[in-house]
Amino acid sequence: MRLKHILLLASLAYTGALLGQVKRDDKFPEKLQSHFIFDHGIESENAVEIKGFKAFERIDENNQRRTGLDYSKGIQTLGAIAPEVHAIEKQAGRAVLKANFTEKVNKEEIQPDGSMRKVTLEHMGNGSAIVVGKNYVLTNFHVLDVLKKDKQPSECPGGWLSSGEDPELKVQCKAVIACGEPVQKITRPNPADPNKTETFFIDNHDDWCLIEVTPTPSGREIGDEVTPLKLSRNILSRKQVQKVATIGNPGGKGIQASWGTHRAGVSGPSKVIQSTAFALSGNSGGAMIDTRGRLVGLVYSSDYYDVATAAALSTDHLLNNMSGKIPESIMNEIQEDSDLIYAQSSTCDSQFDQEAELKEPRRLSRWFKKAKGYIQNKIKKSES
């Protein structure tokens, strides 16, 4: 087989794959605010009606633009999405848990008669977490750190992690495997006074914790009940804009998804993924996925003045940062080769691609077949 024929076939296959991906991504919203995945939606053959809380935008007293969700008007219809898109949301959403960790604090309270009485107060946090292994869950350091002690947690907090689809499917933290160092403390001489020092903190982009969880009430491991979202490398392109979604528990209202785009080129060597998808308080520790439902990042932040700008730690960066901190056996369980993930598409993913292929313009399809046949004939003649 001649080299030029090999190159032609490779070019043809690559072009076809690109067109297929573009065609596939066209079904996904370029911008869509948070909406419920498992509750309130109405499904039909051609569309899924989605519901949630409507977004608001206003200018605050400091002349800054503020955005958020309006809970006062209740749940409303927000629009519709393709059933295939909803299937991807549900598939990934099953592996995203509501994280309600609790911590107890003992303190003294003054009584009406002036005496002091010891009381125990329980503080509960609200966030999200991702099932990444059979009994391993990934979340943010600041979600696990309910009382904001900013110290490496050695013991599990109380509380529960629960499914947004099935409230009875819940687990508790059993052990803290390892955490990143989200903030770096720097102390240096004060330029204005050499006899004094100044301290400041910088974002390390390492806001993560991996925990081991208990079995569910039925005695099964959480990773047997849902399909884990494993970590893999090199999924997002750094050269082109791609559609991504955040999935989490914003406002503690239930598992929701929001679509936006990954801002290509902004993040450099993929430490942090900046996107235009929504992220609110409660999204922290949740997932950022691509249009195939693959985990691309761990959501950890949003712009204070604009919830429509989610930031996530990329899976590439997480795997690099976890290396050496987490036992190899666990690392092997929570990560998967990106090529294998791509090849082993889910049932709904395969159906999505089949439908896209059926709807491909016949003229384009015939052209590819003719071109492929022409090249193969040329190869046969050159070999005979």
Protein backbone atom coordinates (compact mmCIF):
# COMPACT_ATOMS: atom_id res chain seq x y z
CA MET A 1 0.00 0.00 0.00
CA ARG A 2 1.47 3.35 -0.97
CA LEU A 3 2.03 6.06 1.64
CA LYS A 4 -0.19 8.56 -0.19
CA HIS A 5 -3.09 6.10 -0.10
CA ILE A 6 -2.63 5.57 3.64
CA LEU A 7 -2.56 9.32 4.18
CA LEU A 8 -5.71 9.78 2.07
CA LEU A 9 -7.61 7.13 4.02
CA ALA A 10 -6.48 8.61 7.33
CA SER A 11 -7.47 12.10 6.21
CA LEU A 12 -10.87 10.85 5.07
CA ALA A 13 -11.52 9.09 8.39
CA TYR A 14 -10.45 12.15 10.38
CA THR A 15 -12.65 14.48 8.32
CA GLY A 16 -15.64 12.19 8.78
CA ALA A 17 -15.04 11.99 12.53
CA LEU A 18 -14.82 15.77 12.79
CA LEU A 19 -18.06 16.27 10.88
CA GLY A 20 -19.73 13.65 13.07
CA GLN A 21 -18.59 15.42 16.26
CA VAL A 22 -19.76 18.83 14.99
CA LYS A 23 -23.08 17.29 14.02
CA ARG A 24 -23.34 15.70 17.46
CA ASP A 25 -22.45 18.88 19.36
CA ASP A 26 -25.11 20.86 17.46
CA LYS A 27 -27.75 19.13 19.60
CA PHE A 28 -26.23 20.43 22.82
CA PRO A 29 -27.09 23.93 24.05
CA GLU A 30 -24.37 26.53 23.80
CA LYS A 31 -25.79 28.26 26.85
CA LEU A 32 -28.44 26.90 29.24
CA GLN A 33 -28.95 27.83 32.88
CA SER A 34 -29.33 25.36 35.77
CA HIS A 35 -32.26 22.94 35.43
CA PHE A 36 -33.35 19.80 37.24
CA ILE A 37 -32.19 16.49 35.80
CA PHE A 38 -34.37 13.99 37.65
CA ASP A 39 -37.35 16.04 38.83
CA HIS A 40 -40.08 18.08 37.21
CA GLY A 41 -39.14 17.45 33.55
CA ILE A 42 -41.70 16.27 31.01
CA GLU A 43 -40.34 13.89 28.37
CA SER A 44 -41.70 13.31 24.86
CA GLU A 45 -40.33 11.60 21.77
CA ASN A 46 -38.74 14.74 20.32
CA ALA A 47 -37.97 16.93 23.34
CA VAL A 48 -37.67 17.06 27.11
CA GLU A 49 -39.29 20.03 28.83
CA ILE A 50 -36.91 21.24 31.54
CA LYS A 51 -37.77 23.11 34.71
CA GLY A 52 -35.90 25.03 37.36
CA PHE A 53 -35.58 28.44 38.96
CA LYS A 54 -35.34 31.39 36.59
CA ALA A 55 -32.12 33.38 36.56
CA PHE A 56 -32.01 37.06 37.49
CA GLU A 57 -29.55 39.84 36.80
CA ARG A 58 -29.24 43.16 38.65
CA ILE A 59 -26.78 45.92 39.51
CA ASP A 60 -25.85 46.07 43.20
CA GLU A 61 -25.03 49.08 45.39
CA ASN A 62 -21.39 48.92 44.25
CA ASN A 63 -22.47 49.12 40.60
CA GLN A 64 -21.46 45.50 40.07
CA ARG A 65 -23.52 43.08 38.00
CA ARG A 66 -24.99 40.30 40.14
CA THR A 67 -26.63 37.14 38.82
CA GLY A 68 -28.36 34.24 40.52
CA LEU A 69 -31.50 32.12 40.62
CA ASP A 70 -34.84 33.51 41.78
CA TYR A 71 -36.26 31.05 44.32
CA SER A 72 -39.19 33.30 45.27
CA LYS A 73 -41.23 32.42 42.17
CA GLY A 74 -40.81 28.68 42.55
CA ILE A 75 -39.98 26.12 39.87
CA GLN A 76 -40.83 27.20 36.32
CA THR A 77 -40.53 25.86 32.78
CA LEU A 78 -37.24 27.03 31.27
CA GLY A 79 -37.37 25.50 27.78
CA ALA A 80 -36.68 22.16 26.11
CA ILE A 81 -33.69 20.04 25.17
CA ALA A 82 -33.17 17.02 22.93
CA PRO A 83 -33.90 13.64 24.59
CA GLU A 84 -30.36 12.50 23.74
CA VAL A 85 -28.91 15.46 25.65
CA HIS A 86 -31.16 14.70 28.63
CA ALA A 87 -29.98 11.06 28.55
CA ILE A 88 -26.35 12.21 28.84
CA GLU A 89 -27.29 14.49 31.75
CA LYS A 90 -29.06 11.70 33.61
CA GLN A 91 -26.28 9.20 32.98
CA ALA A 92 -23.63 11.53 34.46
CA GLY A 93 -26.02 12.97 37.08
CA ARG A 94 -26.50 9.59 38.74
CA ALA A 95 -22.83 9.66 39.78
CA VAL A 96 -23.10 13.16 41.31
CA LEU A 97 -24.25 13.17 44.93
CA LYS A 98 -25.69 15.81 47.23
CA ALA A 99 -23.06 16.37 49.93
CA ASN A 100 -24.44 17.43 53.31
CA PHE A 101 -21.54 17.02 55.72
CA THR A 102 -22.00 18.03 59.37
CA GLU A 103 -19.69 19.13 62.18
CA LYS A 104 -20.53 19.59 65.88
CA VAL A 105 -19.34 22.48 68.02
CA ASN A 106 -19.49 22.64 71.81
CA LYS A 107 -20.02 26.07 73.30
CA GLU A 108 -21.50 27.83 76.29
CA GLU A 109 -24.67 29.91 76.06
CA ILE A 110 -25.92 32.43 78.57
CA GLN A 111 -29.28 31.61 80.11
CA PRO A 112 -32.10 34.05 81.10
CA ASP A 113 -31.05 33.79 84.74
CA GLY A 114 -27.50 34.79 83.85
CA SER A 115 -26.00 31.30 84.23
CA MET A 116 -24.01 29.55 81.52
CA ARG A 117 -25.03 26.25 79.96
CA LYS A 118 -23.01 23.99 77.70
CA VAL A 119 -24.71 23.22 74.40
CA THR A 120 -23.76 21.30 71.25
CA LEU A 121 -24.53 22.92 67.91
CA GLU A 122 -24.48 21.02 64.63
CA HIS A 123 -23.43 22.85 61.49
CA MET A 124 -24.39 21.38 58.11
CA GLY A 125 -22.74 22.25 54.81
CA ASN A 126 -24.20 22.01 51.34
CA GLY A 127 -22.23 20.89 48.30
CA SER A 128 -21.74 18.12 45.78
CA ALA A 129 -19.54 15.05 45.32
CA ILE A 130 -18.68 12.63 42.51
CA VAL A 131 -18.61 8.83 42.63
CA VAL A 132 -15.27 7.95 41.01
CA GLY A 133 -14.79 4.35 42.17
CA LYS A 134 -16.55 1.42 43.78
CA ASN A 135 -16.47 3.08 47.20
CA TYR A 136 -14.52 6.27 46.49
CA VAL A 137 -15.97 9.75 46.20
CA LEU A 138 -14.29 12.99 45.07
CA THR A 139 -15.29 16.42 46.38
CA ASN A 140 -13.75 19.79 47.27
CA PHE A 141 -11.58 20.38 50.32
CA HIS A 142 -13.83 23.31 51.28
CA VAL A 143 -16.96 21.12 51.03
CA LEU A 144 -15.50 18.55 53.44
CA ASP A 145 -14.20 21.33 55.70
CA VAL A 146 -17.63 22.33 57.07
CA LEU A 147 -16.31 24.66 59.80
CA LYS A 148 -13.69 26.21 57.47
CA LYS A 149 -10.74 25.31 59.69
CA ASP A 150 -8.45 25.28 56.62
CA LYS A 151 -6.59 22.30 58.10
CA GLN A 152 -5.97 18.96 56.45
CA PRO A 153 -8.87 16.77 57.64
CA SER A 154 -7.75 13.56 59.31
CA GLU A 155 -11.22 12.43 60.35
CA CYS A 156 -14.51 12.24 58.50
CA PRO A 157 -17.25 14.75 59.21
CA GLY A 158 -20.78 13.50 59.91
CA GLY A 159 -23.71 13.83 57.56
CA TRP A 160 -24.72 12.08 54.37
CA LEU A 161 -24.02 11.94 50.64
CA SER A 162 -27.21 11.10 48.78
CA SER A 163 -28.45 10.46 45.25
CA GLY A 164 -30.56 13.08 43.51
CA GLU A 165 -32.55 10.37 41.76
CA ASP A 166 -33.14 8.03 44.71
CA PRO A 167 -33.06 9.63 48.20
CA GLU A 168 -32.71 6.18 49.79
CA LEU A 169 -29.40 5.70 47.99
CA LYS A 170 -27.01 7.33 50.44
CA VAL A 171 -23.61 6.81 52.05
CA GLN A 172 -21.40 8.35 54.71
CA CYS A 173 -17.73 9.27 54.83
CA LYS A 174 -15.70 6.35 56.17
CA ALA A 175 -12.13 7.59 55.75
CA VAL A 176 -10.28 10.55 54.24
CA ILE A 177 -7.79 9.14 51.72
CA ALA A 178 -6.03 12.37 50.74
CA CYS A 179 -6.63 16.06 50.08
CA GLY A 180 -4.94 18.80 48.09
CA GLU A 181 -3.61 22.08 49.49
CA PRO A 182 -6.15 24.60 48.17
CA VAL A 183 -4.42 27.64 49.66
CA GLN A 184 -0.73 28.39 50.09
CA LYS A 185 0.29 30.63 52.97
CA ILE A 186 3.19 32.96 52.19
CA THR A 187 4.99 35.07 54.80
CA ARG A 188 7.55 37.65 53.72
CA PRO A 189 9.23 40.85 55.04
CA ASN A 190 6.98 43.89 54.94
CA PRO A 191 8.39 46.30 52.30
CA ALA A 192 7.21 49.29 54.37
CA ASP A 193 8.76 48.03 57.63
CA PRO A 194 11.67 45.53 57.50
CA ASN A 195 11.08 44.67 61.17
CA LYS A 196 7.63 43.30 60.39
CA THR A 197 6.33 40.54 58.18
CA GLU A 198 3.20 40.28 56.06
CA THR A 199 1.17 37.17 55.34
CA PHE A 200 -1.02 36.51 52.33
CA PHE A 201 -2.65 33.51 50.69
CA ILE A 202 -2.68 32.38 47.07
CA ASP A 203 -4.94 29.87 45.30
CA ASN A 204 -3.08 26.62 44.69
CA HIS A 205 -5.84 25.23 42.46
CA ASP A 206 -5.74 22.07 44.58
CA ASP A 207 -9.19 22.23 46.22
CA TRP A 208 -9.96 18.49 46.31
CA CYS A 209 -10.41 15.58 48.70
CA LEU A 210 -10.82 11.89 47.95
CA ILE A 211 -12.77 9.92 50.55
CA GLU A 212 -13.78 6.31 51.09
CA VAL A 213 -17.48 5.88 51.82
CA THR A 214 -19.61 3.32 53.64
CA PRO A 215 -21.89 0.87 51.81
CA THR A 216 -25.45 1.97 51.05
CA PRO A 217 -28.30 0.97 53.45
CA SER A 218 -28.87 -2.10 51.25
CA GLY A 219 -25.27 -3.23 51.87
CA ARG A 220 -24.06 -2.56 48.30
CA GLU A 221 -21.17 -0.31 47.31
CA ILE A 222 -22.20 3.03 45.78
CA GLY A 223 -20.09 2.26 42.69
CA ASP A 224 -22.25 -0.83 42.09
CA GLU A 225 -25.44 1.24 42.24
CA VAL A 226 -24.29 3.97 39.84
CA THR A 227 -21.69 4.08 37.07
CA PRO A 228 -18.66 5.99 38.43
CA LEU A 229 -17.34 9.02 36.55
CA LYS A 230 -13.68 8.07 36.38
CA LEU A 231 -10.82 10.48 35.79
CA SER A 232 -8.91 10.45 32.52
CA ARG A 233 -6.48 12.62 30.61
CA ASN A 234 -6.52 14.73 27.47
CA ILE A 235 -10.28 14.95 26.91
CA LEU A 236 -10.77 18.69 26.42
CA SER A 237 -9.11 20.45 23.53
CA ARG A 238 -6.96 23.44 24.40
CA LYS A 239 -7.33 24.85 20.89
CA GLN A 240 -11.07 25.01 20.28
CA VAL A 241 -14.23 25.93 22.12
CA GLN A 242 -16.12 22.88 23.38
CA LYS A 243 -19.49 22.52 25.07
CA VAL A 244 -19.44 21.42 28.70
CA ALA A 245 -21.95 21.11 31.53
CA THR A 246 -21.78 21.55 35.29
CA ILE A 247 -23.72 19.00 37.35
CA GLY A 248 -24.26 19.56 41.06
CA ASN A 249 -26.55 20.55 43.89
CA PRO A 250 -26.88 24.36 43.61
CA GLY A 251 -28.63 25.97 46.55
CA GLY A 252 -29.25 22.51 48.02
CA LYS A 253 -32.33 22.26 45.80
CA GLY A 254 -31.44 19.03 43.99
CA ILE A 255 -29.15 17.75 41.24
CA GLN A 256 -29.15 20.16 38.30
CA ALA A 257 -27.24 20.65 35.06
CA SER A 258 -26.19 23.76 33.17
CA TRP A 259 -24.59 23.96 29.72
CA GLY A 260 -21.97 26.38 28.50
CA THR A 261 -18.67 26.44 26.63
CA HIS A 262 -15.11 25.74 27.69
CA ARG A 263 -13.04 28.84 27.06
CA ALA A 264 -10.24 27.38 24.98
CA GLY A 265 -6.83 28.90 25.40
CA VAL A 266 -7.63 30.67 28.69
CA SER A 267 -6.39 27.98 31.04
CA GLY A 268 -2.96 27.32 29.56
CA PRO A 269 -1.82 23.75 30.32
CA SER A 270 -5.25 22.80 31.66
CA LYS A 271 -4.97 23.36 35.40
CA VAL A 272 -8.28 25.17 35.57
CA ILE A 273 -11.17 24.93 33.10
CA GLN A 274 -13.09 28.19 32.74
CA SER A 275 -16.56 27.83 31.27
CA THR A 276 -19.77 29.80 30.73
CA ALA A 277 -21.91 27.16 32.48
CA PHE A 278 -23.68 28.14 35.71
CA ALA A 279 -22.14 27.47 39.12
CA LEU A 280 -23.80 28.48 42.39
CA SER A 281 -23.17 27.78 46.05
CA GLY A 282 -23.73 24.03 46.25
CA ASN A 283 -22.17 23.25 42.87
CA SER A 284 -18.78 22.96 44.58
CA GLY A 285 -17.51 19.39 44.46
CA GLY A 286 -19.72 18.57 41.48
CA ALA A 287 -18.82 17.46 37.98
CA MET A 288 -18.00 19.22 34.75
CA ILE A 289 -18.69 16.89 31.79
CA ASP A 290 -18.33 17.03 28.01
CA THR A 291 -20.98 16.14 25.42
CA ARG A 292 -20.22 12.43 25.80
CA GLY A 293 -20.85 12.49 29.53
CA ARG A 294 -17.16 12.11 30.40
CA LEU A 295 -15.75 13.80 33.49
CA VAL A 296 -13.46 16.68 32.50
CA GLY A 297 -13.25 18.58 35.77
CA LEU A 298 -14.16 19.05 39.45
CA VAL A 299 -16.17 22.26 39.94
CA TYR A 300 -14.72 24.40 42.74
CA SER A 301 -15.57 28.02 42.07
CA SER A 302 -17.58 30.63 40.19
CA ASP A 303 -17.29 34.35 39.66
CA TYR A 304 -18.77 36.08 42.72
CA TYR A 305 -20.60 38.58 40.51
CA ASP A 306 -21.57 36.19 37.75
CA VAL A 307 -22.77 32.65 38.47
CA ALA A 308 -22.62 31.99 34.73
CA THR A 309 -18.86 31.43 34.92
CA ALA A 310 -17.92 28.09 36.45
CA ALA A 311 -14.35 27.08 37.20
CA ALA A 312 -13.25 23.46 37.51
CA LEU A 313 -9.99 21.68 38.26
CA SER A 314 -9.22 19.63 35.17
CA THR A 315 -8.92 15.86 35.45
CA ASP A 316 -5.39 16.12 34.00
CA HIS A 317 -4.34 18.43 36.84
CA LEU A 318 -6.13 16.35 39.48
CA LEU A 319 -4.38 13.15 38.40
CA ASN A 320 -1.01 14.92 38.42
CA ASN A 321 -1.69 16.36 41.86
CA MET A 322 -2.98 13.08 43.31
CA SER A 323 0.05 11.12 42.18
CA GLY A 324 2.17 10.20 45.20
CA LYS A 325 -0.56 11.18 47.67
CA ILE A 326 -2.93 8.32 46.90
CA PRO A 327 -1.99 4.61 46.89
CA GLU A 328 -1.41 3.19 43.43
CA SER A 329 -4.16 0.59 43.83
CA ILE A 330 -6.72 3.35 44.40
CA MET A 331 -5.33 5.46 41.56
CA ASN A 332 -5.78 2.51 39.22
CA GLU A 333 -9.40 2.21 40.29
CA ILE A 334 -10.45 5.85 39.93
CA GLN A 335 -8.80 6.60 36.61
CA GLU A 336 -9.34 5.25 33.13
CA ASP A 337 -7.65 5.67 29.80
CA SER A 338 -9.45 8.39 27.79
CA ASP A 339 -9.25 6.35 24.58
CA LEU A 340 -10.95 3.42 26.34
CA ILE A 341 -13.70 5.71 27.66
CA TYR A 342 -14.24 7.06 24.15
CA ALA A 343 -14.42 3.59 22.63
CA GLN A 344 -16.69 2.11 25.30
CA SER A 345 -19.57 4.54 24.82
CA SER A 346 -22.71 4.08 26.87
CA THR A 347 -25.94 2.75 25.37
CA CYS A 348 -27.49 6.20 25.12
CA ASP A 349 -24.23 7.52 23.63
CA SER A 350 -24.32 4.83 20.92
CA GLN A 351 -27.97 5.56 20.18
CA PHE A 352 -27.10 9.24 19.91
CA ASP A 353 -24.42 8.52 17.31
CA GLN A 354 -26.67 6.14 15.39
CA GLU A 355 -29.36 8.78 15.13
CA ALA A 356 -26.83 11.35 13.99
CA GLU A 357 -25.62 8.98 11.30
CA LEU A 358 -29.17 8.33 10.07
CA LYS A 359 -29.80 12.07 9.81
CA GLU A 360 -26.59 12.73 7.90
CA PRO A 361 -27.30 14.26 4.47
CA ARG A 362 -27.40 11.44 1.90
CA ARG A 363 -25.37 13.41 -0.59
CA LEU A 364 -22.49 13.78 1.87
CA SER A 365 -22.74 10.11 2.84
CA ARG A 366 -22.58 8.98 -0.81
CA TRP A 367 -19.57 11.22 -1.42
CA PHE A 368 -17.62 9.62 1.44
CA LYS A 369 -18.49 6.12 0.23
CA LYS A 370 -17.40 6.91 -3.34
CA ALA A 371 -14.16 8.50 -2.17
CA LYS A 372 -13.38 5.56 0.09
CA GLY A 373 -14.17 3.07 -2.68
CA TYR A 374 -11.99 4.97 -5.17
CA ILE A 375 -8.99 4.93 -2.82
CA GLN A 376 -9.42 1.24 -2.00
CA ASN A 377 -9.56 0.38 -5.73
CA LYS A 378 -6.38 2.35 -6.28
CA ILE A 379 -4.70 0.40 -3.48
CA LYS A 380 -5.78 -2.95 -4.97
CA LYS A 381 -4.46 -2.02 -8.42
CA SER A 382 -1.13 -0.85 -7.01
CA GLU A 383 -0.72 -4.14 -5.12
CA SER A 384 -1.65 -6.41 -8.04
